[in-house]
Amino acid sequence: DTPQNIKASIPGTVLALECDNIRQSQILLKDLPFLLDMQTYGDQLNLIISGDFRSAQQAIREKLHETQINVKRLDVVTIRMEEAFIYLVGQARKEASI
């Protein structure tokens, strides 16, 4: 399919997170009910979330604040082809193992 259609097929919104401790953040956020996928890009963690992104931003900030992780950035970003591909491959693997 076209790159635009592939990116459009991904449900949810991508939030780019930059914070003091990416590894600890991954552990803390992995079980949030609205989190569809999480991908690391250098010092940034991209979160694909479902539902209202503003509520998700608030919940993420609160969760990280509880453990004294400083959030430097938590913004909505446009999904990249690489993120879409990784997400779709992950979903196909999950479906194949069912």
PDB file of N, CA and C in Angstrom:
ATOM      1  N   ASP A   1       0.845  -1.186   0.000  1.00  0.00           N
ATOM      2  CA  ASP A   1       0.000   0.000   0.000  1.00  0.00           C
ATOM      3  C   ASP A   1       0.890   1.248   0.000  1.00  0.00           C
ATOM      4  N   THR A   2       0.287   2.395  -0.117  1.00  0.00           N
ATOM      5  CA  THR A   2       1.056   3.634  -0.111  1.00  0.00           C
ATOM      6  C   THR A   2       1.488   3.969   1.320  1.00  0.00           C
ATOM      7  N   PRO A   3       2.579   4.719   1.468  1.00  0.00           N
ATOM      8  CA  PRO A   3       2.999   5.116   2.823  1.00  0.00           C
ATOM      9  C   PRO A   3       1.898   5.863   3.573  1.00  0.00           C
ATOM     10  N   GLN A   4       1.163   6.723   2.893  1.00  0.00           N
ATOM     11  CA  GLN A   4       0.089   7.470   3.547  1.00  0.00           C
ATOM     12  C   GLN A   4      -0.997   6.538   4.072  1.00  0.00           C
ATOM     13  N   ASN A   5      -1.366   5.537   3.273  1.00  0.00           N
ATOM     14  CA  ASN A   5      -2.404   4.595   3.702  1.00  0.00           C
ATOM     15  C   ASN A   5      -1.922   3.705   4.847  1.00  0.00           C
ATOM     16  N   ILE A   6      -0.662   3.323   4.791  1.00  0.00           N
ATOM     17  CA  ILE A   6      -0.109   2.501   5.872  1.00  0.00           C
ATOM     18  C   ILE A   6      -0.122   3.290   7.174  1.00  0.00           C
ATOM     19  N   LYS A   7       0.345   4.526   7.139  1.00  0.00           N
ATOM     20  CA  LYS A   7       0.356   5.358   8.349  1.00  0.00           C
ATOM     21  C   LYS A   7      -1.064   5.632   8.836  1.00  0.00           C
ATOM     22  N   ALA A   8      -1.990   5.821   7.912  1.00  0.00           N
ATOM     23  CA  ALA A   8      -3.380   6.098   8.288  1.00  0.00           C
ATOM     24  C   ALA A   8      -4.055   4.874   8.907  1.00  0.00           C
ATOM     25  N   SER A   9      -3.522   3.685   8.648  1.00  0.00           N
ATOM     26  CA  SER A   9      -4.138   2.467   9.189  1.00  0.00           C
ATOM     27  C   SER A   9      -3.804   2.237  10.660  1.00  0.00           C
ATOM     28  N   ILE A  10      -2.878   3.011  11.202  1.00  0.00           N
ATOM     29  CA  ILE A  10      -2.481   2.845  12.601  1.00  0.00           C
ATOM     30  C   ILE A  10      -3.505   3.545  13.483  1.00  0.00           C
ATOM     31  N   PRO A  11      -4.091   2.814  14.435  1.00  0.00           N
ATOM     32  CA  PRO A  11      -5.063   3.449  15.328  1.00  0.00           C
ATOM     33  C   PRO A  11      -4.343   4.319  16.353  1.00  0.00           C
ATOM     34  N   GLY A  12      -4.999   5.338  16.788  1.00  0.00           N
ATOM     35  CA  GLY A  12      -4.458   6.119  17.894  1.00  0.00           C
ATOM     36  C   GLY A  12      -3.599   7.289  17.483  1.00  0.00           C
ATOM     37  N   THR A  13      -2.916   7.824  18.493  1.00  0.00           N
ATOM     38  CA  THR A  13      -2.100   9.022  18.392  1.00  0.00           C
ATOM     39  C   THR A  13      -0.709   8.694  18.899  1.00  0.00           C
ATOM     40  N   VAL A  14       0.306   9.318  18.304  1.00  0.00           N
ATOM     41  CA  VAL A  14       1.679   9.113  18.767  1.00  0.00           C
ATOM     42  C   VAL A  14       2.087  10.291  19.650  1.00  0.00           C
ATOM     43  N   LEU A  15       2.559   9.958  20.846  1.00  0.00           N
ATOM     44  CA  LEU A  15       3.108  10.960  21.761  1.00  0.00           C
ATOM     45  C   LEU A  15       4.610  10.737  21.878  1.00  0.00           C
ATOM     46  N   ALA A  16       5.385  11.790  21.679  1.00  0.00           N
ATOM     47  CA  ALA A  16       6.831  11.730  21.843  1.00  0.00           C
ATOM     48  C   ALA A  16       7.169  12.146  23.269  1.00  0.00           C
ATOM     49  N   LEU A  17       7.829  11.259  23.991  1.00  0.00           N
ATOM     50  CA  LEU A  17       8.198  11.504  25.388  1.00  0.00           C
ATOM     51  C   LEU A  17       9.711  11.623  25.512  1.00  0.00           C
ATOM     52  N   GLU A  18      10.160  12.718  26.078  1.00  0.00           N
ATOM     53  CA  GLU A  18      11.554  12.880  26.468  1.00  0.00           C
ATOM     54  C   GLU A  18      11.552  13.139  27.971  1.00  0.00           C
ATOM     55  N   CYS A  19      12.348  12.356  28.685  1.00  0.00           N
ATOM     56  CA  CYS A  19      12.377  12.475  30.147  1.00  0.00           C
ATOM     57  C   CYS A  19      13.741  12.073  30.676  1.00  0.00           C
ATOM     58  N   ASP A  20      13.889  12.165  31.986  1.00  0.00           N
ATOM     59  CA  ASP A  20      15.168  11.878  32.632  1.00  0.00           C
ATOM     60  C   ASP A  20      15.586  10.412  32.548  1.00  0.00           C
ATOM     61  N   ASN A  21      14.634   9.498  32.538  1.00  0.00           N
ATOM     62  CA  ASN A  21      14.969   8.080  32.607  1.00  0.00           C
ATOM     63  C   ASN A  21      14.042   7.272  31.692  1.00  0.00           C
ATOM     64  N   ILE A  22      14.476   7.094  30.447  1.00  0.00           N
ATOM     65  CA  ILE A  22      13.661   6.399  29.445  1.00  0.00           C
ATOM     66  C   ILE A  22      13.407   4.945  29.848  1.00  0.00           C
ATOM     67  N   ARG A  23      14.431   4.250  30.299  1.00  0.00           N
ATOM     68  CA  ARG A  23      14.268   2.822  30.647  1.00  0.00           C
ATOM     69  C   ARG A  23      13.260   2.627  31.781  1.00  0.00           C
ATOM     70  N   GLN A  24      13.373   3.412  32.811  1.00  0.00           N
ATOM     71  CA  GLN A  24      12.428   3.307  33.926  1.00  0.00           C
ATOM     72  C   GLN A  24      11.021   3.694  33.469  1.00  0.00           C
ATOM     73  N   SER A  25      10.941   4.680  32.607  1.00  0.00           N
ATOM     74  CA  SER A  25       9.639   5.115  32.088  1.00  0.00           C
ATOM     75  C   SER A  25       8.962   3.985  31.325  1.00  0.00           C
ATOM     76  N   GLN A  26       9.726   3.255  30.526  1.00  0.00           N
ATOM     77  CA  GLN A  26       9.158   2.119  29.790  1.00  0.00           C
ATOM     78  C   GLN A  26       8.532   1.111  30.742  1.00  0.00           C
ATOM     79  N   ILE A  27       9.211   0.818  31.817  1.00  0.00           N
ATOM     80  CA  ILE A  27       8.705  -0.138  32.799  1.00  0.00           C
ATOM     81  C   ILE A  27       7.419   0.385  33.442  1.00  0.00           C
ATOM     82  N   LEU A  28       7.432   1.653  33.809  1.00  0.00           N
ATOM     83  CA  LEU A  28       6.275   2.242  34.490  1.00  0.00           C
ATOM     84  C   LEU A  28       5.045   2.377  33.592  1.00  0.00           C
ATOM     85  N   LEU A  29       5.263   2.623  32.309  1.00  0.00           N
ATOM     86  CA  LEU A  29       4.149   2.922  31.416  1.00  0.00           C
ATOM     87  C   LEU A  29       3.604   1.716  30.656  1.00  0.00           C
ATOM     88  N   LYS A  30       4.329   0.610  30.641  1.00  0.00           N
ATOM     89  CA  LYS A  30       3.980  -0.521  29.772  1.00  0.00           C
ATOM     90  C   LYS A  30       2.578  -1.096  29.994  1.00  0.00           C
ATOM     91  N   ASP A  31       2.014  -0.948  31.172  1.00  0.00           N
ATOM     92  CA  ASP A  31       0.709  -1.542  31.458  1.00  0.00           C
ATOM     93  C   ASP A  31      -0.453  -0.543  31.441  1.00  0.00           C
ATOM     94  N   LEU A  32      -0.205   0.668  30.980  1.00  0.00           N
ATOM     95  CA  LEU A  32      -1.297   1.638  30.913  1.00  0.00           C
ATOM     96  C   LEU A  32      -2.351   1.146  29.920  1.00  0.00           C
ATOM     97  N   PRO A  33      -3.627   1.232  30.280  1.00  0.00           N
ATOM     98  CA  PRO A  33      -4.678   0.633  29.447  1.00  0.00           C
ATOM     99  C   PRO A  33      -4.819   1.257  28.059  1.00  0.00           C
ATOM    100  N   PHE A  34      -4.419   2.481  27.880  1.00  0.00           N
ATOM    101  CA  PHE A  34      -4.566   3.151  26.586  1.00  0.00           C
ATOM    102  C   PHE A  34      -3.329   3.008  25.702  1.00  0.00           C
ATOM    103  N   LEU A  35      -2.272   2.374  26.201  1.00  0.00           N
ATOM    104  CA  LEU A  35      -1.029   2.241  25.452  1.00  0.00           C
ATOM    105  C   LEU A  35      -1.124   1.085  24.456  1.00  0.00           C
ATOM    106  N   LEU A  36      -0.995   1.396  23.174  1.00  0.00           N
ATOM    107  CA  LEU A  36      -1.034   0.377  22.129  1.00  0.00           C
ATOM    108  C   LEU A  36       0.357  -0.143  21.795  1.00  0.00           C
ATOM    109  N   ASP A  37       1.350   0.755  21.829  1.00  0.00           N
ATOM    110  CA  ASP A  37       2.721   0.368  21.486  1.00  0.00           C
ATOM    111  C   ASP A  37       3.682   1.418  22.028  1.00  0.00           C
ATOM    112  N   MET A  38       4.932   1.001  22.204  1.00  0.00           N
ATOM    113  CA  MET A  38       5.961   1.883  22.731  1.00  0.00           C
ATOM    114  C   MET A  38       7.247   1.573  21.970  1.00  0.00           C
ATOM    115  N   GLN A  39       7.883   2.610  21.422  1.00  0.00           N
ATOM    116  CA  GLN A  39       9.099   2.429  20.639  1.00  0.00           C
ATOM    117  C   GLN A  39      10.134   3.469  21.051  1.00  0.00           C
ATOM    118  N   THR A  40      11.391   3.020  21.193  1.00  0.00           N
ATOM    119  CA  THR A  40      12.476   3.905  21.593  1.00  0.00           C
ATOM    120  C   THR A  40      13.217   4.417  20.368  1.00  0.00           C
ATOM    121  N   TYR A  41      13.486   5.711  20.354  1.00  0.00           N
ATOM    122  CA  TYR A  41      14.278   6.355  19.308  1.00  0.00           C
ATOM    123  C   TYR A  41      15.302   7.256  19.980  1.00  0.00           C
ATOM    124  N   GLY A  42      16.485   6.728  20.229  1.00  0.00           N
ATOM    125  CA  GLY A  42      17.527   7.497  20.905  1.00  0.00           C
ATOM    126  C   GLY A  42      17.093   7.868  22.311  1.00  0.00           C
ATOM    127  N   ASP A  43      16.987   9.160  22.568  1.00  0.00           N
ATOM    128  CA  ASP A  43      16.583   9.628  23.898  1.00  0.00           C
ATOM    129  C   ASP A  43      15.097   9.949  23.970  1.00  0.00           C
ATOM    130  N   GLN A  44      14.352   9.417  23.026  1.00  0.00           N
ATOM    131  CA  GLN A  44      12.915   9.681  22.938  1.00  0.00           C
ATOM    132  C   GLN A  44      12.142   8.367  22.945  1.00  0.00           C
ATOM    133  N   LEU A  45      11.022   8.368  23.619  1.00  0.00           N
ATOM    134  CA  LEU A  45      10.126   7.219  23.664  1.00  0.00           C
ATOM    135  C   LEU A  45       8.842   7.625  22.957  1.00  0.00           C
ATOM    136  N   ASN A  46       8.487   6.909  21.897  1.00  0.00           N
ATOM    137  CA  ASN A  46       7.252   7.209  21.181  1.00  0.00           C
ATOM    138  C   ASN A  46       6.178   6.229  21.622  1.00  0.00           C
ATOM    139  N   LEU A  47       5.068   6.787  22.072  1.00  0.00           N
ATOM    140  CA  LEU A  47       3.956   6.012  22.610  1.00  0.00           C
ATOM    141  C   LEU A  47       2.776   6.121  21.659  1.00  0.00           C
ATOM    142  N   ILE A  48       2.277   5.001  21.192  1.00  0.00           N
ATOM    143  CA  ILE A  48       1.056   4.999  20.380  1.00  0.00           C
ATOM    144  C   ILE A  48      -0.080   4.711  21.347  1.00  0.00           C
ATOM    145  N   ILE A  49      -0.993   5.666  21.440  1.00  0.00           N
ATOM    146  CA  ILE A  49      -2.055   5.563  22.440  1.00  0.00           C
ATOM    147  C   ILE A  49      -3.421   5.622  21.779  1.00  0.00           C
ATOM    148  N   SER A  50      -4.387   4.999  22.430  1.00  0.00           N
ATOM    149  CA  SER A  50      -5.772   5.048  21.955  1.00  0.00           C
ATOM    150  C   SER A  50      -6.553   6.033  22.817  1.00  0.00           C
ATOM    151  N   GLY A  51      -7.670   6.483  22.290  1.00  0.00           N
ATOM    152  CA  GLY A  51      -8.537   7.362  23.065  1.00  0.00           C
ATOM    153  C   GLY A  51      -8.065   8.803  23.055  1.00  0.00           C
ATOM    154  N   ASP A  52      -8.505   9.530  24.049  1.00  0.00           N
ATOM    155  CA  ASP A  52      -8.226  10.952  24.174  1.00  0.00           C
ATOM    156  C   ASP A  52      -6.760  11.175  24.546  1.00  0.00           C
ATOM    157  N   PHE A  53      -6.005  11.814  23.661  1.00  0.00           N
ATOM    158  CA  PHE A  53      -4.578  11.988  23.922  1.00  0.00           C
ATOM    159  C   PHE A  53      -4.317  12.948  25.077  1.00  0.00           C
ATOM    160  N   ARG A  54      -5.207  13.890  25.322  1.00  0.00           N
ATOM    161  CA  ARG A  54      -4.989  14.823  26.438  1.00  0.00           C
ATOM    162  C   ARG A  54      -5.076  14.088  27.783  1.00  0.00           C
ATOM    163  N   SER A  55      -6.046  13.209  27.891  1.00  0.00           N
ATOM    164  CA  SER A  55      -6.160  12.397  29.115  1.00  0.00           C
ATOM    165  C   SER A  55      -4.940  11.499  29.278  1.00  0.00           C
ATOM    166  N   ALA A  56      -4.480  10.935  28.162  1.00  0.00           N
ATOM    167  CA  ALA A  56      -3.296  10.076  28.203  1.00  0.00           C
ATOM    168  C   ALA A  56      -2.067  10.872  28.625  1.00  0.00           C
ATOM    169  N   GLN A  57      -1.906  12.080  28.085  1.00  0.00           N
ATOM    170  CA  GLN A  57      -0.781  12.926  28.478  1.00  0.00           C
ATOM    171  C   GLN A  57      -0.796  13.177  29.977  1.00  0.00           C
ATOM    172  N   GLN A  58      -1.957  13.500  30.512  1.00  0.00           N
ATOM    173  CA  GLN A  58      -2.076  13.784  31.940  1.00  0.00           C
ATOM    174  C   GLN A  58      -1.741  12.552  32.776  1.00  0.00           C
ATOM    175  N   ALA A  59      -2.261  11.400  32.372  1.00  0.00           N
ATOM    176  CA  ALA A  59      -1.992  10.161  33.107  1.00  0.00           C
ATOM    177  C   ALA A  59      -0.508   9.798  33.067  1.00  0.00           C
ATOM    178  N   ILE A  60       0.121  10.006  31.925  1.00  0.00           N
ATOM    179  CA  ILE A  60       1.553   9.711  31.796  1.00  0.00           C
ATOM    180  C   ILE A  60       2.364  10.644  32.684  1.00  0.00           C
ATOM    181  N   ARG A  61       2.046  11.916  32.628  1.00  0.00           N
ATOM    182  CA  ARG A  61       2.762  12.889  33.467  1.00  0.00           C
ATOM    183  C   ARG A  61       2.622  12.536  34.954  1.00  0.00           C
ATOM    184  N   GLU A  62       1.409  12.192  35.374  1.00  0.00           N
ATOM    185  CA  GLU A  62       1.176  11.841  36.781  1.00  0.00           C
ATOM    186  C   GLU A  62       1.944  10.587  37.169  1.00  0.00           C
ATOM    187  N   LYS A  63       1.924   9.575  36.317  1.00  0.00           N
ATOM    188  CA  LYS A  63       2.611   8.315  36.605  1.00  0.00           C
ATOM    189  C   LYS A  63       4.109   8.542  36.768  1.00  0.00           C
ATOM    190  N   LEU A  64       4.690   9.336  35.878  1.00  0.00           N
ATOM    191  CA  LEU A  64       6.122   9.588  35.958  1.00  0.00           C
ATOM    192  C   LEU A  64       6.471  10.519  37.118  1.00  0.00           C
ATOM    193  N   HIS A  65       5.594  11.462  37.400  1.00  0.00           N
ATOM    194  CA  HIS A  65       5.820  12.382  38.523  1.00  0.00           C
ATOM    195  C   HIS A  65       5.848  11.623  39.853  1.00  0.00           C
ATOM    196  N   GLU A  66       5.012  10.585  39.974  1.00  0.00           N
ATOM    197  CA  GLU A  66       4.970   9.768  41.201  1.00  0.00           C
ATOM    198  C   GLU A  66       6.330   9.171  41.526  1.00  0.00           C
ATOM    199  N   THR A  67       7.103   8.872  40.512  1.00  0.00           N
ATOM    200  CA  THR A  67       8.422   8.269  40.726  1.00  0.00           C
ATOM    201  C   THR A  67       9.550   9.272  40.474  1.00  0.00           C
ATOM    202  N   GLN A  68       9.196  10.540  40.466  1.00  0.00           N
ATOM    203  CA  GLN A  68      10.143  11.646  40.349  1.00  0.00           C
ATOM    204  C   GLN A  68      10.940  11.628  39.048  1.00  0.00           C
ATOM    205  N   ILE A  69      10.309  11.172  37.964  1.00  0.00           N
ATOM    206  CA  ILE A  69      10.927  11.256  36.647  1.00  0.00           C
ATOM    207  C   ILE A  69      10.457  12.558  36.010  1.00  0.00           C
ATOM    208  N   ASN A  70      11.412  13.389  35.651  1.00  0.00           N
ATOM    209  CA  ASN A  70      11.117  14.688  35.057  1.00  0.00           C
ATOM    210  C   ASN A  70      10.777  14.542  33.579  1.00  0.00           C
ATOM    211  N   VAL A  71       9.599  15.008  33.189  1.00  0.00           N
ATOM    212  CA  VAL A  71       9.176  14.990  31.787  1.00  0.00           C
ATOM    213  C   VAL A  71       9.642  16.277  31.131  1.00  0.00           C
ATOM    214  N   LYS A  72      10.493  16.143  30.125  1.00  0.00           N
ATOM    215  CA  LYS A  72      11.001  17.293  29.390  1.00  0.00           C
ATOM    216  C   LYS A  72      10.090  17.640  28.222  1.00  0.00           C
ATOM    217  N   ARG A  73       9.485  16.611  27.636  1.00  0.00           N
ATOM    218  CA  ARG A  73       8.614  16.801  26.473  1.00  0.00           C
ATOM    219  C   ARG A  73       7.628  15.654  26.403  1.00  0.00           C
ATOM    220  N   LEU A  74       6.376  15.973  26.090  1.00  0.00           N
ATOM    221  CA  LEU A  74       5.345  14.970  25.860  1.00  0.00           C
ATOM    222  C   LEU A  74       4.344  15.586  24.879  1.00  0.00           C
ATOM    223  N   ASP A  75       4.654  15.445  23.594  1.00  0.00           N
ATOM    224  CA  ASP A  75       3.882  16.111  22.544  1.00  0.00           C
ATOM    225  C   ASP A  75       3.340  15.116  21.532  1.00  0.00           C
ATOM    226  N   VAL A  76       2.241  15.498  20.897  1.00  0.00           N
ATOM    227  CA  VAL A  76       1.704  14.733  19.775  1.00  0.00           C
ATOM    228  C   VAL A  76       2.618  14.947  18.573  1.00  0.00           C
ATOM    229  N   VAL A  77       2.976  13.848  17.907  1.00  0.00           N
ATOM    230  CA  VAL A  77       3.801  13.919  16.699  1.00  0.00           C
ATOM    231  C   VAL A  77       3.147  13.081  15.600  1.00  0.00           C
ATOM    232  N   THR A  78       3.527  13.355  14.378  1.00  0.00           N
ATOM    233  CA  THR A  78       3.040  12.590  13.235  1.00  0.00           C
ATOM    234  C   THR A  78       3.750  11.243  13.195  1.00  0.00           C
ATOM    235  N   ILE A  79       3.004  10.195  12.966  1.00  0.00           N
ATOM    236  CA  ILE A  79       3.612   8.865  12.911  1.00  0.00           C
ATOM    237  C   ILE A  79       4.517   8.766  11.685  1.00  0.00           C
ATOM    238  N   ARG A  80       5.673   8.149  11.884  1.00  0.00           N
ATOM    239  CA  ARG A  80       6.618   7.926  10.792  1.00  0.00           C
ATOM    240  C   ARG A  80       6.372   6.537  10.205  1.00  0.00           C
ATOM    241  N   MET A  81       6.825   6.340   8.994  1.00  0.00           N
ATOM    242  CA  MET A  81       6.656   5.054   8.322  1.00  0.00           C
ATOM    243  C   MET A  81       7.300   3.928   9.141  1.00  0.00           C
ATOM    244  N   GLU A  82       8.460   4.196   9.718  1.00  0.00           N
ATOM    245  CA  GLU A  82       9.145   3.189  10.526  1.00  0.00           C
ATOM    246  C   GLU A  82       8.291   2.751  11.715  1.00  0.00           C
ATOM    247  N   GLU A  83       7.683   3.696  12.401  1.00  0.00           N
ATOM    248  CA  GLU A  83       6.815   3.370  13.544  1.00  0.00           C
ATOM    249  C   GLU A  83       5.614   2.551  13.095  1.00  0.00           C
ATOM    250  N   ALA A  84       5.017   2.955  11.989  1.00  0.00           N
ATOM    251  CA  ALA A  84       3.859   2.227  11.469  1.00  0.00           C
ATOM    252  C   ALA A  84       4.240   0.792  11.127  1.00  0.00           C
ATOM    253  N   PHE A  85       5.369   0.609  10.470  1.00  0.00           N
ATOM    254  CA  PHE A  85       5.830  -0.720  10.093  1.00  0.00           C
ATOM    255  C   PHE A  85       6.071  -1.585  11.325  1.00  0.00           C
ATOM    256  N   ILE A  86       6.785  -1.042  12.303  1.00  0.00           N
ATOM    257  CA  ILE A  86       7.072  -1.799  13.529  1.00  0.00           C
ATOM    258  C   ILE A  86       5.781  -2.184  14.245  1.00  0.00           C
ATOM    259  N   TYR A  87       4.839  -1.258  14.314  1.00  0.00           N
ATOM    260  CA  TYR A  87       3.560  -1.544  14.964  1.00  0.00           C
ATOM    261  C   TYR A  87       2.819  -2.660  14.233  1.00  0.00           C
ATOM    262  N   LEU A  88       2.735  -2.563  12.902  1.00  0.00           N
ATOM    263  CA  LEU A  88       1.994  -3.562  12.123  1.00  0.00           C
ATOM    264  C   LEU A  88       2.644  -4.938  12.193  1.00  0.00           C
ATOM    265  N   VAL A  89       3.956  -4.994  12.169  1.00  0.00           N
ATOM    266  CA  VAL A  89       4.653  -6.272  12.312  1.00  0.00           C
ATOM    267  C   VAL A  89       4.377  -6.877  13.683  1.00  0.00           C
ATOM    268  N   GLY A  90       4.428  -6.056  14.712  1.00  0.00           N
ATOM    269  CA  GLY A  90       4.128  -6.524  16.067  1.00  0.00           C
ATOM    270  C   GLY A  90       2.718  -7.071  16.189  1.00  0.00           C
ATOM    271  N   GLN A  91       1.764  -6.382  15.583  1.00  0.00           N
ATOM    272  CA  GLN A  91       0.370  -6.841  15.617  1.00  0.00           C
ATOM    273  C   GLN A  91       0.214  -8.163  14.870  1.00  0.00           C
ATOM    274  N   ALA A  92       0.873  -8.299  13.729  1.00  0.00           N
ATOM    275  CA  ALA A  92       0.787  -9.542  12.956  1.00  0.00           C
ATOM    276  C   ALA A  92       1.383 -10.710  13.753  1.00  0.00           C
ATOM    277  N   ARG A  93       2.460 -10.450  14.460  1.00  0.00           N
ATOM    278  CA  ARG A  93       3.070 -11.509  15.283  1.00  0.00           C
ATOM    279  C   ARG A  93       2.132 -11.927  16.415  1.00  0.00           C
ATOM    280  N   LYS A  94       1.475 -10.944  17.044  1.00  0.00           N
ATOM    281  CA  LYS A  94       0.531 -11.263  18.119  1.00  0.00           C
ATOM    282  C   LYS A  94      -0.623 -12.109  17.589  1.00  0.00           C
ATOM    283  N   GLU A  95      -1.151 -11.727  16.436  1.00  0.00           N
ATOM    284  CA  GLU A  95      -2.267 -12.470  15.840  1.00  0.00           C
ATOM    285  C   GLU A  95      -1.862 -13.869  15.434  1.00  0.00           C
ATOM    286  N   ALA A  96      -0.642 -14.037  14.960  1.00  0.00           N
ATOM    287  CA  ALA A  96      -0.149 -15.347  14.539  1.00  0.00           C
ATOM    288  C   ALA A  96       0.041 -16.295  15.716  1.00  0.00           C
ATOM    289  N   SER A  97       0.301 -15.747  16.902  1.00  0.00           N
ATOM    290  CA  SER A  97       0.532 -16.580  18.078  1.00  0.00           C
ATOM    291  C   SER A  97      -0.751 -16.931  18.822  1.00  0.00           C
ATOM    292  N   ILE A  98      -1.869 -16.390  18.384  1.00  0.00           N
ATOM    293  CA  ILE A  98      -3.151 -16.665  19.066  1.00  0.00           C
ATOM    294  C   ILE A  98      -3.665 -18.028  18.684  1.00  0.00           C
TER     295      ILE A  98
END
